[in-house]
Protein backbone atom coordinates (compact mmCIF):
# COMPACT_ATOMS: atom_id res chain seq x y z
CA UNK A 1 -14.19 26.28 15.42
CA UNK A 2 -11.16 23.62 16.09
CA UNK A 3 -9.34 23.19 13.00
CA UNK A 4 -7.27 19.94 13.44
CA UNK A 5 -5.52 20.46 10.31
CA UNK A 6 -4.08 23.48 11.21
CA UNK A 7 -3.31 22.39 14.76
CA UNK A 8 -1.25 19.42 13.55
CA UNK A 9 0.59 21.53 11.06
CA UNK A 10 1.38 24.38 13.28
CA UNK A 11 2.28 22.43 16.24
CA UNK A 12 4.51 20.08 14.11
CA UNK A 13 6.32 23.28 12.70
CA UNK A 14 6.74 24.83 15.96
CA UNK A 15 8.29 21.97 17.60
CA UNK A 16 10.68 21.10 14.75
CA UNK A 17 11.73 24.79 14.47
CA UNK A 18 12.89 25.19 17.71
CA UNK A 19 14.44 21.94 18.73
CA UNK A 20 17.96 21.11 17.40
CA UNK A 21 17.51 17.83 18.64
CA UNK A 22 15.30 16.88 15.74
CA UNK A 23 18.07 17.66 13.20
CA UNK A 24 19.62 14.41 13.29
CA UNK A 25 16.24 12.75 12.39
CA UNK A 26 16.93 12.55 8.77
CA UNK A 27 19.75 10.27 8.75
CA UNK A 28 19.05 6.75 8.24
CA UNK A 29 20.79 5.65 11.34
CA UNK A 30 19.02 7.74 13.61
CA UNK A 31 17.51 6.25 16.76
CA UNK A 32 15.40 9.07 16.71
CA UNK A 33 14.01 8.51 13.50
CA UNK A 34 13.77 4.71 14.38
CA UNK A 35 11.21 5.96 17.13
CA UNK A 36 9.26 8.08 15.01
CA UNK A 37 8.87 5.19 12.50
CA UNK A 38 7.79 2.84 15.29
CA UNK A 39 4.73 4.90 16.23
CA UNK A 40 3.31 5.84 12.61
CA UNK A 41 1.29 2.39 12.88
CA UNK A 42 -0.61 3.86 16.28
CA UNK A 43 -0.93 7.26 14.92
CA UNK A 44 -2.40 6.03 11.54
CA UNK A 45 -4.86 3.72 13.32
CA UNK A 46 -5.69 6.50 15.82
CA UNK A 47 -6.39 9.08 13.06
CA UNK A 48 -8.59 6.59 10.98
CA UNK A 49 -10.67 5.80 14.16
CA UNK A 50 -11.05 9.38 14.69
CA UNK A 51 -12.28 10.39 10.81
CA UNK A 52 -13.05 7.15 9.63
CA UNK A 53 -14.21 7.72 6.24
CA UNK A 54 -15.13 11.49 6.53
CA UNK A 55 -14.42 13.72 3.68
CA UNK A 56 -11.54 16.39 3.97
CA UNK A 57 -12.99 19.90 3.74
CA UNK A 58 -14.43 21.36 0.31
CA UNK A 59 -14.65 24.79 -0.29
CA UNK A 60 -16.63 27.07 -2.71
CA UNK A 61 -14.98 28.80 -5.81
CA UNK A 62 -14.98 32.32 -3.92
CA UNK A 63 -12.21 30.56 -1.69
CA UNK A 64 -9.83 30.25 -4.69
CA UNK A 65 -8.02 33.43 -4.09
CA UNK A 66 -4.62 32.67 -5.70
CA UNK A 67 -3.07 30.17 -8.07
CA UNK A 68 -2.18 26.67 -7.08
CA UNK A 69 1.43 26.93 -5.89
CA UNK A 70 3.21 23.91 -7.64
CA UNK A 71 5.16 21.40 -5.14
CA UNK A 72 8.01 19.34 -6.09
CA UNK A 73 9.49 18.96 -9.59
CA UNK A 74 7.90 21.71 -12.01
CA UNK A 75 9.39 20.60 -15.51
CA UNK A 76 10.16 16.88 -15.85
CA UNK A 77 13.48 16.25 -18.19
CA UNK A 78 12.70 12.70 -19.34
CA UNK A 79 12.65 12.36 -23.00
CA UNK A 80 9.59 10.09 -23.04
CA UNK A 81 7.46 12.88 -21.13
CA UNK A 82 8.96 15.65 -23.05
CA UNK A 83 7.96 14.17 -26.31
CA UNK A 84 4.49 13.61 -25.09
CA UNK A 85 4.20 17.11 -23.73
CA UNK A 86 4.87 18.44 -27.24
CA UNK A 87 1.66 16.55 -28.56
CA UNK A 88 -0.47 17.56 -25.43
CA UNK A 89 0.02 14.17 -23.89
CA UNK A 90 -1.71 12.35 -27.09
CA UNK A 91 0.52 9.35 -26.53
CA UNK A 92 0.02 9.48 -23.09
CA UNK A 93 -0.86 5.92 -21.41
CA UNK A 94 -1.51 4.98 -17.66
CA UNK A 95 -0.43 1.18 -16.81
CA UNK A 96 -2.17 -0.37 -14.09
CA UNK A 97 -0.51 -3.51 -13.25
CA UNK A 98 0.92 -5.84 -10.31
CA UNK A 99 -1.76 -7.81 -8.48
CA UNK A 100 -4.32 -7.42 -10.49
CA UNK A 101 -6.76 -9.47 -12.55
CA UNK A 102 -7.17 -7.28 -15.89
CA UNK A 103 -4.02 -4.90 -16.49
CA UNK A 104 -5.00 -1.56 -17.71
CA UNK A 105 -3.47 0.56 -20.46
CA UNK A 106 -5.18 3.51 -20.35
CA UNK A 107 -5.06 6.89 -22.67
CA UNK A 108 -6.00 10.55 -21.35
CA UNK A 109 -9.16 10.17 -23.71
CA UNK A 110 -10.02 6.82 -21.98
CA UNK A 111 -9.34 8.57 -18.52
CA UNK A 112 -11.34 11.56 -19.06
CA UNK A 113 -14.17 9.44 -20.96
CA UNK A 114 -14.65 7.75 -17.45
CA UNK A 115 -17.13 9.14 -14.50
CA UNK A 116 -15.45 12.10 -13.03
CA UNK A 117 -15.58 14.01 -9.61
CA UNK A 118 -14.62 17.50 -9.05
CA UNK A 119 -13.43 19.07 -5.61
CA UNK A 120 -12.23 22.28 -4.23
CA UNK A 121 -10.00 21.46 -1.58
CA UNK A 122 -6.77 22.60 0.36
CA UNK A 123 -3.32 21.45 -0.43
CA UNK A 124 -1.13 21.38 2.96
CA UNK A 125 2.19 21.37 2.24
CA UNK A 126 4.85 19.92 4.88
CA UNK A 127 6.82 23.29 4.14
CA UNK A 128 3.83 25.22 5.90
CA UNK A 129 1.99 26.51 3.07
CA UNK A 130 -1.59 26.03 1.69
CA UNK A 131 -3.54 26.70 -1.37
CA UNK A 132 -7.05 26.01 -2.19
CA UNK A 133 -7.56 24.97 -6.08
CA UNK A 134 -10.44 22.86 -8.13
CA UNK A 135 -9.38 19.80 -8.97
CA UNK A 136 -11.44 17.55 -11.45
CA UNK A 137 -10.52 13.95 -12.27
CA UNK A 138 -11.38 10.03 -12.51
CA UNK A 139 -11.99 8.42 -8.98
CA UNK A 140 -8.59 6.11 -8.29
CA UNK A 141 -11.36 3.44 -7.22
CA UNK A 142 -12.77 3.50 -10.43
CA UNK A 143 -9.53 2.78 -12.26
CA UNK A 144 -8.82 -0.06 -10.01
CA UNK A 145 -12.10 -1.39 -9.96
CA UNK A 146 -11.55 -1.88 -14.13
CA UNK A 147 -8.11 -3.53 -13.40
CA UNK A 148 -9.71 -6.02 -10.79
CA UNK A 149 -7.45 -6.04 -7.82
CA UNK A 150 -6.19 -9.67 -6.71
CA UNK A 151 -7.37 -10.50 -2.62
CA UNK A 152 -3.69 -10.14 -1.77
CA UNK A 153 -3.20 -6.73 -2.92
CA UNK A 154 -2.78 -4.25 -0.16
CA UNK A 155 -1.13 -1.01 -1.46
CA UNK A 156 -1.17 1.35 -4.57
CA UNK A 157 2.35 2.19 -5.86
CA UNK A 158 2.61 5.14 -8.23
CA UNK A 159 5.61 5.60 -10.30
CA UNK A 160 6.18 8.99 -12.11
CA UNK A 161 8.26 10.80 -14.61
CA UNK A 162 9.99 13.37 -12.92
CA UNK A 163 13.77 12.44 -11.93
CA UNK A 164 14.28 13.27 -8.39
CA UNK A 165 18.38 12.78 -8.25
CA UNK A 166 21.04 10.84 -10.17
CA UNK A 167 22.89 8.04 -8.28
CA UNK A 168 25.83 5.83 -9.33
CA UNK A 169 22.95 3.60 -10.92
CA UNK A 170 21.24 6.61 -12.55
CA UNK A 171 18.43 8.59 -12.15
CA UNK A 172 15.98 8.06 -9.23
CA UNK A 173 12.30 8.62 -10.51
CA UNK A 174 10.07 9.90 -7.66
CA UNK A 175 7.68 6.97 -6.26
CA UNK A 176 4.93 7.14 -3.87
CA UNK A 177 2.53 4.68 -2.10
CA UNK A 178 -0.96 4.39 -0.30
CA UNK A 179 -2.77 1.45 1.08
CA UNK A 180 -5.97 0.63 -0.81
CA UNK A 181 -8.28 2.14 2.05
CA UNK A 182 -7.15 5.25 0.97
CA UNK A 183 -7.06 4.43 -2.52
CA UNK A 184 -10.90 3.57 -2.40
CA UNK A 185 -11.67 7.05 -0.30
CA UNK A 186 -14.21 8.94 -2.90
CA UNK A 187 -11.82 12.07 -2.59
CA UNK A 188 -9.02 10.15 -3.90
CA UNK A 189 -8.60 10.85 -7.45
CA UNK A 190 -6.26 11.21 -10.78
CA UNK A 191 -6.72 14.60 -11.51
CA UNK A 192 -6.36 15.92 -15.21
CA UNK A 193 -7.88 19.16 -14.81
CA UNK A 194 -7.28 22.06 -12.38
CA UNK A 195 -9.40 25.22 -11.79
CA UNK A 196 -11.59 24.50 -14.96
CA UNK A 197 -8.53 23.81 -17.53
CA UNK A 198 -6.16 20.95 -18.64
CA UNK A 199 -3.57 20.11 -15.57
CA UNK A 200 -0.43 22.42 -15.88
CA UNK A 201 2.87 20.73 -16.48
CA UNK A 202 4.22 22.63 -13.42
CA UNK A 203 1.07 20.99 -11.52
CA UNK A 204 1.77 17.64 -12.63
CA UNK A 205 0.27 16.89 -16.36
CA UNK A 206 -1.10 14.98 -17.30
CA UNK A 207 -2.49 13.11 -14.46
CA UNK A 208 -1.47 13.40 -10.82
CA UNK A 209 -2.70 11.91 -7.27
CA UNK A 210 -4.90 13.88 -5.22
CA UNK A 211 -5.52 12.30 -1.59
CA UNK A 212 -7.08 14.96 0.18
CA UNK A 213 -6.66 13.80 3.88
CA UNK A 214 -2.91 13.80 3.48
CA UNK A 215 0.12 15.94 3.52
CA UNK A 216 1.11 17.26 -0.25
CA UNK A 217 3.95 15.20 -0.91
CA UNK A 218 2.00 12.30 -1.00
CA UNK A 219 0.29 13.60 -3.98
CA UNK A 220 2.30 12.11 -6.79
CA UNK A 221 2.66 14.18 -9.96
CA UNK A 222 3.23 13.11 -13.48
CA UNK A 223 2.04 9.50 -12.83
CA UNK A 224 2.38 6.49 -15.63
CA UNK A 225 2.07 3.65 -13.72
CA UNK A 226 0.14 2.37 -10.74
CA UNK A 227 1.18 -0.84 -9.29
CA UNK A 228 -0.65 -3.11 -6.83
CA UNK A 229 1.32 -5.21 -4.31
CA UNK A 230 1.23 -6.75 -1.06
CA UNK A 231 4.45 -5.05 0.10
CA UNK A 232 6.40 -2.21 -0.05
CA UNK A 233 9.68 -3.79 0.91
CA UNK A 234 11.06 -3.81 -2.46
CA UNK A 235 10.07 0.05 -3.31
CA UNK A 236 13.21 2.22 -2.91
CA UNK A 237 14.73 1.78 0.26
CA UNK A 238 11.46 -0.17 1.59
CA UNK A 239 9.70 2.51 3.12
CA UNK A 240 7.07 3.33 1.09
CA UNK A 241 7.76 6.47 -0.92
CA UNK A 242 10.61 8.40 -2.01
CA UNK A 243 10.26 10.89 1.14
CA UNK A 244 9.72 8.22 3.61
CA UNK A 245 12.67 6.89 2.58
CA UNK A 246 14.41 10.15 3.55
CA UNK A 247 12.92 10.50 6.80
CA UNK A 248 9.49 12.04 6.30
CA UNK A 249 6.19 9.92 7.47
CA UNK A 250 4.65 7.67 5.08
CA UNK A 251 1.14 8.12 6.19
CA UNK A 252 1.16 11.78 6.16
CA UNK A 253 -2.23 12.11 7.24
CA UNK A 254 -3.56 15.38 8.30
């Protein structure tokens, strides 16, 4: 059977690994990068036309053959985060703010009390590796419904505890965003458990995003705030996410 995910990941890796011409695409002034970016909206529209509301493949527990390899940061050094981790995140709060009628401030207990979804899915990393794991969490759409998004809201922005780099203006914390179409997809969850146990720190405890029809770097870890907005222009360098600001695709659909 034709596996669209493997085709996209494999063909992309093959093309990029053998072509020196692509090396400049990571530079902010690259004409090649601008060309790729100009076609991203078309790519997103084509993918949605092809798959619509379809679910990403789900697997059985027998398919979980290895531990979930952590991606990105694995142990945030932020002082507030470290203090919460010492008490199993008892004092953790998820803030939902921005273009909402009813801002939320939810504890981990509040989140685990909401209706949950469990799914066994494959995490596909842009680096070329994949892992299958069982994730449990609250559908993002459930949380957003509590907050009552305003009609002008278009994107959900995720602010995280993990500092990725330091700049002259201070630490740069991870940030990511998806549009509200993907936010309300049934497989888009805020996961607090993995493989039947509380989410490990290395995998994003206490709460991480799972958006199963996109590449792994979209699945923000250590989320503390969800901000609904009508534009991504003021986020980072204006491309919509930490990695998109550095040359990666924003949508990253598979």
